[in-house]
Protein backbone atom coordinates (compact mmCIF):
# COMPACT_ATOMS: atom_id res chain seq x y z
CA MET A 1 92.05 48.22 144.39
CA ILE A 2 91.55 46.18 141.23
CA VAL A 3 94.24 43.67 140.29
CA LYS A 4 93.72 41.26 137.43
CA GLU A 5 93.29 37.62 138.38
CA GLU A 6 95.89 36.63 135.79
CA PHE A 7 98.49 38.85 137.47
CA LEU A 8 97.65 37.45 140.92
CA SER A 9 97.94 33.92 139.53
CA ARG A 10 101.40 34.67 138.16
CA LEU A 11 102.52 36.08 141.50
CA ARG A 12 101.27 32.99 143.30
CA LYS A 13 103.37 30.72 141.09
CA ILE A 14 106.48 32.90 141.08
CA PHE A 15 106.59 33.56 144.84
CA ASP A 16 104.82 30.40 146.06
CA LEU A 17 102.04 32.31 147.85
CA ASN A 18 98.39 31.52 148.40
CA LEU A 19 95.57 33.70 147.07
CA TYR A 20 95.02 35.64 150.30
CA GLU A 21 98.76 36.35 150.60
CA VAL A 22 99.06 37.85 147.09
CA LYS A 23 95.90 39.92 147.63
CA VAL A 24 97.15 41.40 150.91
CA TRP A 25 100.70 41.91 149.56
CA THR A 26 99.58 43.73 146.41
CA ALA A 27 97.17 45.80 148.51
CA LEU A 28 100.02 46.87 150.78
CA LEU A 29 102.25 47.62 147.78
CA SER A 30 99.56 49.97 146.49
CA ARG A 31 99.50 51.85 149.83
CA GLY A 32 103.12 51.66 150.99
CA THR A 33 102.03 51.47 154.63
CA SER A 34 98.69 50.44 156.11
CA THR A 35 96.85 48.78 158.99
CA ALA A 36 95.46 45.27 158.93
CA GLY A 37 91.90 46.61 158.86
CA GLU A 38 92.57 48.83 155.87
CA LEU A 39 94.26 45.99 154.00
CA SER A 40 91.29 43.74 154.71
CA ASN A 41 88.96 46.24 153.11
CA ILE A 42 91.20 46.89 150.12
CA SER A 43 92.09 43.28 149.38
CA ASP A 44 88.69 41.77 150.15
CA VAL A 45 90.33 39.29 152.53
CA PRO A 46 88.36 38.42 155.70
CA ARG A 47 89.52 40.50 158.67
CA SER A 48 89.81 37.32 160.77
CA ARG A 49 92.49 36.03 158.35
CA THR A 50 94.35 39.26 157.66
CA TYR A 51 96.62 39.22 160.72
CA ASP A 52 97.66 35.61 160.05
CA ILE A 53 98.37 36.50 156.43
CA LEU A 54 100.44 39.54 157.40
CA GLU A 55 102.42 37.49 159.91
CA SER A 56 103.12 34.91 157.20
CA LEU A 57 104.26 37.60 154.74
CA GLU A 58 106.51 39.10 157.40
CA LYS A 59 108.21 35.75 158.05
CA LYS A 60 108.73 35.24 154.33
CA GLY A 61 110.40 38.64 153.97
CA PHE A 62 107.72 40.47 151.98
CA ILE A 63 106.79 43.15 154.52
CA VAL A 64 107.93 44.80 157.77
CA MET A 65 105.81 45.57 160.83
CA LYS A 66 106.06 49.20 161.94
CA LEU A 67 106.53 49.94 165.63
CA GLY A 68 103.86 51.92 167.44
CA LYS A 69 100.09 52.08 167.65
CA PRO A 70 98.00 51.39 165.74
CA ILE A 71 100.08 48.58 164.32
CA LYS A 72 100.96 49.25 160.69
CA PHE A 73 102.79 47.30 158.05
CA ILE A 74 105.30 48.61 155.53
CA ALA A 75 105.78 47.28 152.01
CA LEU A 76 109.32 46.58 150.85
CA LYS A 77 110.64 47.36 147.37
CA PRO A 78 109.87 44.42 145.03
CA GLU A 79 113.59 44.10 144.18
CA GLU A 80 114.37 43.68 147.88
CA VAL A 81 111.57 41.11 148.21
CA VAL A 82 113.05 39.04 145.39
CA GLU A 83 116.47 39.02 147.07
CA ARG A 84 115.00 38.09 150.45
CA VAL A 85 112.88 35.31 148.99
CA LYS A 86 115.92 33.91 147.14
CA LYS A 87 118.00 33.90 150.32
CA ASN A 88 115.20 32.29 152.33
CA LEU A 89 114.71 29.59 149.69
CA MET A 90 118.43 28.82 149.61
CA GLN A 91 118.61 28.67 153.40
CA ASP A 92 115.54 26.45 153.58
CA ALA A 93 116.96 24.14 150.91
CA ASN A 94 120.29 23.89 152.77
CA ASP A 95 118.53 23.15 156.06
CA ARG A 96 116.40 20.43 154.48
CA SER A 97 119.40 18.93 152.73
CA LYS A 98 121.32 18.75 156.02
CA ARG A 99 118.36 17.08 157.74
CA LEU A 100 118.13 14.49 155.00
CA GLU A 101 121.89 13.86 155.14
CA THR A 102 121.66 13.06 158.84
CA LEU A 103 119.14 10.30 158.03
CA LYS A 104 121.83 8.18 156.37
CA GLY A 105 123.07 6.92 159.70
CA ASP A 106 119.82 7.31 161.59
CA GLU A 107 117.62 4.50 162.87
CA VAL A 108 114.65 6.16 161.15
CA LEU A 109 116.08 5.24 157.75
CA GLY A 110 116.70 1.71 158.96
CA GLU A 111 113.07 1.36 160.01
CA LEU A 112 111.87 2.79 156.69
CA ASP A 113 114.08 0.32 154.80
CA SER A 114 112.70 -2.50 156.92
CA LEU A 115 109.14 -1.52 156.06
CA PHE A 116 109.99 -1.33 152.36
CA THR A 117 111.85 -4.66 152.34
CA LYS A 118 108.95 -6.46 154.01
CA GLY A 119 106.42 -4.83 151.71
CA ILE A 120 108.34 -5.52 148.50
CA LYS A 121 108.24 -9.29 149.16
CA PHE A 122 104.54 -9.26 148.40
CA VAL A 123 104.88 -7.36 145.13
CA GLU A 124 105.00 -9.19 141.82
CA PRO A 125 107.67 -7.87 139.42
CA THR A 126 104.97 -6.97 136.90
CA ASP A 127 103.27 -4.82 139.56
CA LEU A 128 106.32 -2.57 139.72
CA SER A 129 105.00 -0.05 137.23
CA GLY A 130 103.57 3.43 137.25
CA SER A 131 103.25 6.77 135.50
CA LEU A 132 105.25 9.89 136.23
CA LYS A 133 104.20 13.46 135.46
CA GLY A 134 106.56 16.41 135.17
CA ARG A 135 110.02 16.29 133.62
CA GLN A 136 111.85 16.67 136.93
CA ASN A 137 110.00 13.69 138.40
CA ILE A 138 110.75 11.70 135.26
CA TYR A 139 114.46 12.49 135.43
CA ASN A 140 114.62 11.71 139.15
CA HIS A 141 113.12 8.28 138.54
CA MET A 142 115.35 7.63 135.54
CA ASP A 143 118.37 8.52 137.63
CA MET A 144 117.20 6.10 140.34
CA ILE A 145 116.94 3.07 138.05
CA ILE A 146 120.26 3.96 136.40
CA ARG A 147 121.97 4.06 139.81
CA ASP A 148 120.79 0.49 140.42
CA ALA A 149 121.93 -0.79 137.02
CA GLU A 150 123.91 -4.05 137.02
CA LYS A 151 124.56 -4.79 133.35
CA SER A 152 123.45 -2.18 130.84
CA VAL A 153 121.89 1.23 130.28
CA THR A 154 120.33 2.19 126.94
CA ILE A 155 119.02 5.70 126.30
CA ILE A 156 117.50 7.30 123.23
CA THR A 157 116.43 10.93 123.40
CA THR A 158 115.92 14.13 121.42
CA ALA A 159 118.55 16.74 120.59
CA GLU A 160 117.49 19.02 123.47
CA GLY A 161 116.86 16.03 125.70
CA LEU A 162 120.55 15.13 125.40
CA ASN A 163 121.54 18.58 126.68
CA ARG A 164 119.18 18.34 129.65
CA LYS A 165 120.39 14.90 130.67
CA LEU A 166 124.04 15.87 131.05
CA GLU A 167 123.66 17.55 134.43
CA VAL A 168 120.97 15.18 135.69
CA LEU A 169 122.36 11.78 134.72
CA MET A 170 126.11 12.19 134.29
CA PRO A 171 127.07 11.57 137.96
CA SER A 172 125.18 8.24 138.01
CA LEU A 173 126.46 7.25 134.55
CA GLU A 174 130.03 7.90 135.68
CA LYS A 175 129.53 5.48 138.58
CA CYS A 176 127.99 2.93 136.20
CA LYS A 177 131.04 3.26 133.93
CA LYS A 178 133.36 2.52 136.87
CA ARG A 179 131.36 -0.64 137.61
CA GLY A 180 131.86 -1.82 134.04
CA ILE A 181 128.26 -1.33 132.95
CA LYS A 182 127.60 -1.04 129.20
CA ILE A 183 126.11 2.37 128.38
CA ARG A 184 124.68 3.40 125.02
CA ILE A 185 123.14 6.78 124.16
CA ALA A 186 121.47 7.76 120.90
CA ALA A 187 120.18 11.20 119.91
CA PRO A 188 120.08 13.58 116.96
CA ILE A 189 123.44 15.37 117.03
CA ASN A 190 123.74 18.98 115.85
CA ASN A 191 125.80 22.09 116.50
CA ASN A 192 123.80 22.82 119.67
CA ASN A 193 124.59 19.53 121.43
CA ILE A 194 127.81 18.20 119.87
CA LYS A 195 129.84 19.32 122.92
CA VAL A 196 127.45 17.53 125.25
CA ALA A 197 127.59 14.40 123.07
CA ARG A 198 131.38 14.38 123.31
CA GLU A 199 131.11 14.86 127.06
CA PHE A 200 128.91 11.78 127.27
CA LYS A 201 131.53 9.85 125.28
CA ARG A 202 133.61 9.71 128.46
CA VAL A 203 131.15 7.22 129.91
CA ALA A 204 129.14 5.84 126.99
CA GLU A 205 128.99 4.90 123.35
CA VAL A 206 127.20 7.82 121.70
CA ARG A 207 125.66 7.71 118.23
CA ASN A 208 123.71 10.04 116.00
CA VAL A 209 120.15 9.01 115.15
CA ASP A 210 118.37 10.86 112.37
CA LYS A 211 115.89 8.34 110.97
CA PHE A 212 113.38 8.27 113.81
CA LYS A 213 112.42 10.16 116.95
CA ALA A 214 111.93 8.47 120.33
CA ARG A 215 112.44 8.99 124.05
CA PHE A 216 113.02 5.98 126.28
CA ALA A 217 115.51 4.33 128.62
CA ILE A 218 116.13 0.63 129.26
CA VAL A 219 118.12 -0.64 132.25
CA ASP A 220 119.37 -4.24 132.49
CA SER A 221 116.95 -5.29 129.73
CA ASN A 222 114.07 -5.36 132.21
CA GLN A 223 113.34 -1.85 133.50
CA LEU A 224 111.81 0.42 130.88
CA MET A 225 110.85 4.09 130.92
CA PHE A 226 109.29 5.64 127.85
CA MET A 227 108.02 9.18 127.39
CA LEU A 228 104.62 9.68 125.80
CA LEU A 229 104.90 13.27 124.56
CA ASP A 230 107.04 15.29 122.17
CA ASP A 231 109.31 17.42 124.36
CA GLU A 232 109.32 20.19 121.73
CA LYS A 233 105.54 20.64 121.86
CA PHE A 234 104.68 20.30 125.56
CA HIS A 235 105.67 22.21 128.69
CA PRO A 236 108.04 20.28 131.03
CA ASN A 237 105.37 20.26 133.75
CA TYR A 238 103.06 18.25 131.49
CA ASP A 239 105.64 15.71 130.34
CA ILE A 240 104.48 12.14 131.02
CA SER A 241 106.41 8.89 131.31
CA VAL A 242 105.45 5.27 131.92
CA TRP A 243 107.77 3.05 133.95
CA ILE A 244 107.44 -0.73 133.88
CA ASN A 245 109.46 -3.68 135.10
CA THR A 246 108.99 -6.15 132.29
CA GLU A 247 111.78 -8.29 130.88
CA PHE A 248 109.65 -9.44 127.93
CA PHE A 249 108.79 -5.97 126.62
CA ALA A 250 112.09 -4.31 127.57
CA GLN A 251 114.14 -7.05 125.87
CA ALA A 252 112.01 -6.86 122.73
CA LEU A 253 112.45 -3.07 122.54
CA GLU A 254 116.17 -3.38 123.14
CA ASP A 255 116.46 -5.94 120.33
CA LEU A 256 114.82 -3.44 117.98
CA PHE A 257 117.17 -0.75 119.26
CA ASP A 258 120.15 -3.04 118.51
CA LEU A 259 119.10 -3.22 114.86
CA ALA A 260 118.81 0.57 114.62
CA TRP A 261 122.06 1.05 116.56
CA LYS A 262 124.04 -0.62 113.76
CA GLU A 263 122.81 2.01 111.31
CA MET A 264 123.65 4.99 113.53
CA THR A 265 126.79 7.08 113.12
CA PRO A 266 129.24 7.14 116.05
CA VAL A 267 130.02 10.58 117.47
CA LYS A 268 133.60 11.65 116.89
């Protein structure tokens, strides 16, 4: 059986499988039903690993073990596999979420907080910096610093960036609004994001920027996150951001933003 490496690579990413798993699975799909030995020969996977791989695929809902001897395995329709994988992922996510929720009142979280509090005493404010890769990681960190805001939140983003931030940041921005925190958001406003811009108006001052393009967020004039790449040209997985805790730089950038803010048009 010859399957292109590119196709196997796509399957690995889509279904979160390792190389041996996609080789054995596609081999079984090509046969419909087969023994472990036959699949080892077809897929070029070591016989010593084939049974473990088949057991893993069975647990994940990709195949079924046939009763009788010799032991054979049956391939499921790809459409059925997709549905099973979706259900398993949702169940796994729910289980993990419940486990994490129980930590809120657990002594484990208290011990972790104690370790962090003791460790943070030895960290200089200027050492609180780092780089983040991947848009989801970037948004998670941005949401974290916004949740801890005490005075102000300033965000400038792209037209599409504004749309993406609604679902990710709105819950935290709503809480900031209730605490009386000043929130300002600037982005190019067009027909594709005007509704989102008006939605943000519930919690922030929103203005249209059309003279320059930038992506950064400033919290309390000391925490700064700025994105290094153009979000229209790079895949979300390759997006990069730098986060620094620096009052000097953050305040200087916010002062420049204040000058530009006066020239921007408020969203109606």
